[in-house]
Amino acid sequence: MNAKSPECWASDPQARAIKVEPTSGHSIILPYPHFAYAEVTADGPDQVLKLVFATHEVVVRGRALRRVEAAIHRLELSWIAPLPDRVRGTVPDGQPFIREVSIIAVDGTENELGSTDDTGAQNRSVNGSNDKSVSTGNIAPDHL
């Protein structure tokens, strides 16, 4: 039997945007002209890949994320989504495994959870994890 391992990312040389799916049923498309930078850091056994756009930040947690980073470096990353932990064993060693994707609206932008332009409004995030739940949390704005 030829079983294909589950996929959590895709690359396309013609990509003009990235489709980010933090959970099934929720997605956002971020265009490459709004891409600012990417950063990879280690967090215990996981890696954290942060993608910063003009209107949103995308935080990806998982393992072997250097291939995903290389695709964003070439502006070819076309899609990312988390995989449930139960399929971790089916992903070959060295292949990317994304377990969580978070989308955070940058101050002053609107998203489907409401406007952050309103007086007293707070930045909100949508977190997708391996259990496919969506949680919204308020992050207090910085007032200096």
C-alpha atoms as a PDB file:
ATOM      1  CA  MET A   1       0.000   0.000   0.000  1.00  0.00           C
ATOM      2  CA  ASN A   2       1.311   3.441  -0.901  1.00  0.00           C
ATOM      3  CA  ALA A   3       0.226   5.715   1.939  1.00  0.00           C
ATOM      4  CA  LYS A   4       0.906   9.408   1.504  1.00  0.00           C
ATOM      5  CA  SER A   5       1.902  11.302   4.647  1.00  0.00           C
ATOM      6  CA  PRO A   6      -0.448  14.114   5.705  1.00  0.00           C
ATOM      7  CA  GLU A   7       0.468  17.580   4.501  1.00  0.00           C
ATOM      8  CA  CYS A   8       0.500  20.823   6.457  1.00  0.00           C
ATOM      9  CA  TRP A   9       2.064  23.150   3.887  1.00  0.00           C
ATOM     10  CA  ALA A  10       2.401  23.647   0.146  1.00  0.00           C
ATOM     11  CA  SER A  11       4.792  25.440  -2.164  1.00  0.00           C
ATOM     12  CA  ASP A  12       3.978  26.939  -5.560  1.00  0.00           C
ATOM     13  CA  PRO A  13       6.462  28.955  -7.666  1.00  0.00           C
ATOM     14  CA  GLN A  14       3.498  30.995  -8.978  1.00  0.00           C
ATOM     15  CA  ALA A  15       2.138  31.864  -5.497  1.00  0.00           C
ATOM     16  CA  ARG A  16       1.149  35.481  -5.032  1.00  0.00           C
ATOM     17  CA  ALA A  17      -0.259  34.980  -1.532  1.00  0.00           C
ATOM     18  CA  ILE A  18      -0.315  32.542   1.376  1.00  0.00           C
ATOM     19  CA  LYS A  19      -3.524  30.855   2.473  1.00  0.00           C
ATOM     20  CA  VAL A  20      -3.342  30.380   6.239  1.00  0.00           C
ATOM     21  CA  GLU A  21      -5.832  27.941   7.811  1.00  0.00           C
ATOM     22  CA  PRO A  22      -5.533  27.990  11.613  1.00  0.00           C
ATOM     23  CA  THR A  23      -8.545  25.633  11.849  1.00  0.00           C
ATOM     24  CA  SER A  24     -10.777  23.876   9.385  1.00  0.00           C
ATOM     25  CA  GLY A  25     -13.482  26.340   8.476  1.00  0.00           C
ATOM     26  CA  HIS A  26     -11.326  29.447   9.012  1.00  0.00           C
ATOM     27  CA  SER A  27      -8.759  30.830   6.595  1.00  0.00           C
ATOM     28  CA  ILE A  28      -7.108  34.083   5.640  1.00  0.00           C
ATOM     29  CA  ILE A  29      -5.177  34.922   2.484  1.00  0.00           C
ATOM     30  CA  LEU A  30      -2.179  37.219   2.940  1.00  0.00           C
ATOM     31  CA  PRO A  31      -0.637  38.707  -0.230  1.00  0.00           C
ATOM     32  CA  TYR A  32       3.127  38.626  -0.739  1.00  0.00           C
ATOM     33  CA  PRO A  33       3.328  42.392  -1.442  1.00  0.00           C
ATOM     34  CA  HIS A  34       2.370  42.848   2.264  1.00  0.00           C
ATOM     35  CA  PHE A  35       5.077  40.438   3.509  1.00  0.00           C
ATOM     36  CA  ALA A  36       7.698  42.138   5.715  1.00  0.00           C
ATOM     37  CA  TYR A  37       9.892  39.385   7.205  1.00  0.00           C
ATOM     38  CA  ALA A  38      10.142  35.892   8.680  1.00  0.00           C
ATOM     39  CA  GLU A  39      11.954  34.656  11.776  1.00  0.00           C
ATOM     40  CA  VAL A  40      12.645  31.135  13.093  1.00  0.00           C
ATOM     41  CA  THR A  41      13.442  30.461  16.753  1.00  0.00           C
ATOM     42  CA  ALA A  42      13.691  27.338  18.896  1.00  0.00           C
ATOM     43  CA  ASP A  43      11.204  26.762  21.718  1.00  0.00           C
ATOM     44  CA  GLY A  44      12.185  23.506  23.406  1.00  0.00           C
ATOM     45  CA  PRO A  45      11.709  20.638  20.957  1.00  0.00           C
ATOM     46  CA  ASP A  46       9.573  22.871  18.705  1.00  0.00           C
ATOM     47  CA  GLN A  47      10.530  25.575  16.268  1.00  0.00           C
ATOM     48  CA  VAL A  48       8.544  28.789  15.967  1.00  0.00           C
ATOM     49  CA  LEU A  49       8.241  30.442  12.556  1.00  0.00           C
ATOM     50  CA  LYS A  50       6.918  33.998  12.671  1.00  0.00           C
ATOM     51  CA  LEU A  51       5.675  35.537   9.414  1.00  0.00           C
ATOM     52  CA  VAL A  52       5.041  39.276   9.571  1.00  0.00           C
ATOM     53  CA  PHE A  53       2.768  41.043   7.084  1.00  0.00           C
ATOM     54  CA  ALA A  54       1.514  44.637   6.994  1.00  0.00           C
ATOM     55  CA  THR A  55      -1.832  43.689   8.544  1.00  0.00           C
ATOM     56  CA  HIS A  56      -1.227  40.393  10.376  1.00  0.00           C
ATOM     57  CA  GLU A  57       1.378  38.252  12.071  1.00  0.00           C
ATOM     58  CA  VAL A  58       1.283  34.494  11.617  1.00  0.00           C
ATOM     59  CA  VAL A  59       2.967  32.321  14.254  1.00  0.00           C
ATOM     60  CA  VAL A  60       3.623  28.702  13.281  1.00  0.00           C
ATOM     61  CA  ARG A  61       4.725  26.089  15.861  1.00  0.00           C
ATOM     62  CA  GLY A  62       6.061  22.698  14.881  1.00  0.00           C
ATOM     63  CA  ARG A  63       9.091  20.687  13.897  1.00  0.00           C
ATOM     64  CA  ALA A  64      11.451  20.773  10.904  1.00  0.00           C
ATOM     65  CA  LEU A  65      10.149  24.177   9.806  1.00  0.00           C
ATOM     66  CA  ARG A  66      13.297  25.124   7.860  1.00  0.00           C
ATOM     67  CA  ARG A  67      11.758  23.834   4.605  1.00  0.00           C
ATOM     68  CA  VAL A  68       8.720  26.050   5.198  1.00  0.00           C
ATOM     69  CA  GLU A  69      11.079  28.958   5.920  1.00  0.00           C
ATOM     70  CA  ALA A  70      12.939  28.253   2.653  1.00  0.00           C
ATOM     71  CA  ALA A  71       9.643  28.347   0.732  1.00  0.00           C
ATOM     72  CA  ILE A  72       8.746  31.739   2.228  1.00  0.00           C
ATOM     73  CA  HIS A  73      12.286  32.940   1.434  1.00  0.00           C
ATOM     74  CA  ARG A  74      11.645  32.101  -2.237  1.00  0.00           C
ATOM     75  CA  LEU A  75       8.123  33.655  -1.967  1.00  0.00           C
ATOM     76  CA  GLU A  76       6.682  30.249  -2.930  1.00  0.00           C
ATOM     77  CA  LEU A  77       4.839  29.261   0.270  1.00  0.00           C
ATOM     78  CA  SER A  78       1.196  28.985  -0.806  1.00  0.00           C
ATOM     79  CA  TRP A  79      -0.594  27.274   2.112  1.00  0.00           C
ATOM     80  CA  ILE A  80      -0.102  26.335   5.784  1.00  0.00           C
ATOM     81  CA  ALA A  81      -2.346  24.554   8.285  1.00  0.00           C
ATOM     82  CA  PRO A  82      -1.846  22.555  11.496  1.00  0.00           C
ATOM     83  CA  LEU A  83      -1.987  18.773  11.724  1.00  0.00           C
ATOM     84  CA  PRO A  84      -3.473  16.883  14.671  1.00  0.00           C
ATOM     85  CA  ASP A  85      -0.919  15.331  17.064  1.00  0.00           C
ATOM     86  CA  ARG A  86      -2.366  11.876  16.364  1.00  0.00           C
ATOM     87  CA  VAL A  87      -0.823  11.917  12.857  1.00  0.00           C
ATOM     88  CA  ARG A  88       2.661  12.977  14.068  1.00  0.00           C
ATOM     89  CA  GLY A  89       3.906   9.389  13.768  1.00  0.00           C
ATOM     90  CA  THR A  90       2.960   9.260  10.078  1.00  0.00           C
ATOM     91  CA  VAL A  91       5.109  12.273   9.174  1.00  0.00           C
ATOM     92  CA  PRO A  92       8.628  11.109   8.250  1.00  0.00           C
ATOM     93  CA  ASP A  93      11.541  12.460  10.311  1.00  0.00           C
ATOM     94  CA  GLY A  94      12.904  15.658   8.847  1.00  0.00           C
ATOM     95  CA  GLN A  95       9.601  16.562   7.171  1.00  0.00           C
ATOM     96  CA  PRO A  96       7.733  19.644   8.440  1.00  0.00           C
ATOM     97  CA  PHE A  97       5.055  19.032  11.057  1.00  0.00           C
ATOM     98  CA  ILE A  98       2.918  22.064  11.935  1.00  0.00           C
ATOM     99  CA  ARG A  99       0.993  21.580  15.167  1.00  0.00           C
ATOM    100  CA  GLU A 100      -0.320  25.129  15.703  1.00  0.00           C
ATOM    101  CA  VAL A 101      -0.977  28.245  13.634  1.00  0.00           C
ATOM    102  CA  SER A 102      -1.945  31.594  15.193  1.00  0.00           C
ATOM    103  CA  ILE A 103      -3.051  34.710  13.324  1.00  0.00           C
ATOM    104  CA  ILE A 104      -2.705  38.046  15.095  1.00  0.00           C
ATOM    105  CA  ALA A 105      -4.136  41.241  13.601  1.00  0.00           C
ATOM    106  CA  VAL A 106      -1.729  44.177  13.722  1.00  0.00           C
ATOM    107  CA  ASP A 107      -3.000  47.273  15.570  1.00  0.00           C
ATOM    108  CA  GLY A 108      -5.230  49.484  13.454  1.00  0.00           C
ATOM    109  CA  THR A 109      -6.504  46.748  11.129  1.00  0.00           C
ATOM    110  CA  GLU A 110      -9.908  45.159  10.900  1.00  0.00           C
ATOM    111  CA  ASN A 111     -10.541  41.439  10.928  1.00  0.00           C
ATOM    112  CA  GLU A 112     -13.529  39.127  11.148  1.00  0.00           C
ATOM    113  CA  LEU A 113     -13.521  39.395  14.950  1.00  0.00           C
ATOM    114  CA  GLY A 114     -14.090  43.145  14.913  1.00  0.00           C
ATOM    115  CA  SER A 115     -12.302  46.406  14.358  1.00  0.00           C
ATOM    116  CA  THR A 116      -9.253  47.412  16.345  1.00  0.00           C
ATOM    117  CA  ASP A 117      -9.829  51.003  15.242  1.00  0.00           C
ATOM    118  CA  ASP A 118     -12.654  51.493  17.771  1.00  0.00           C
ATOM    119  CA  THR A 119     -11.910  53.442  20.937  1.00  0.00           C
ATOM    120  CA  GLY A 120     -10.879  50.961  23.612  1.00  0.00           C
ATOM    121  CA  ALA A 121     -10.761  48.064  21.172  1.00  0.00           C
ATOM    122  CA  GLN A 122      -8.100  45.446  21.722  1.00  0.00           C
ATOM    123  CA  ASN A 123      -5.997  43.375  19.367  1.00  0.00           C
ATOM    124  CA  ARG A 124      -7.444  39.890  19.009  1.00  0.00           C
ATOM    125  CA  SER A 125      -5.918  36.638  17.858  1.00  0.00           C
ATOM    126  CA  VAL A 126      -7.303  33.454  16.379  1.00  0.00           C
ATOM    127  CA  ASN A 127      -5.420  30.348  17.442  1.00  0.00           C
ATOM    128  CA  GLY A 128      -5.670  27.031  15.687  1.00  0.00           C
ATOM    129  CA  SER A 129      -4.229  23.987  17.333  1.00  0.00           C
ATOM    130  CA  ASN A 130      -4.127  20.274  16.911  1.00  0.00           C
ATOM    131  CA  ASP A 131      -7.565  19.878  18.499  1.00  0.00           C
ATOM    132  CA  LYS A 132      -9.085  22.121  15.794  1.00  0.00           C
ATOM    133  CA  SER A 133     -10.583  24.506  18.347  1.00  0.00           C
ATOM    134  CA  VAL A 134     -10.725  28.245  17.872  1.00  0.00           C
ATOM    135  CA  SER A 135     -10.069  30.498  20.798  1.00  0.00           C
ATOM    136  CA  THR A 136     -10.134  34.240  20.904  1.00  0.00           C
ATOM    137  CA  GLY A 137      -8.190  36.131  23.491  1.00  0.00           C
ATOM    138  CA  ASN A 138      -7.796  39.797  24.144  1.00  0.00           C
ATOM    139  CA  ILE A 139      -4.348  41.277  24.153  1.00  0.00           C
ATOM    140  CA  ALA A 140      -4.147  44.645  25.870  1.00  0.00           C
ATOM    141  CA  PRO A 141      -2.836  47.409  23.602  1.00  0.00           C
ATOM    142  CA  ASP A 142       0.389  49.139  24.578  1.00  0.00           C
ATOM    143  CA  HIS A 143      -0.124  52.691  25.812  1.00  0.00           C
ATOM    144  CA  LEU A 144       3.140  54.505  26.475  1.00  0.00           C
END
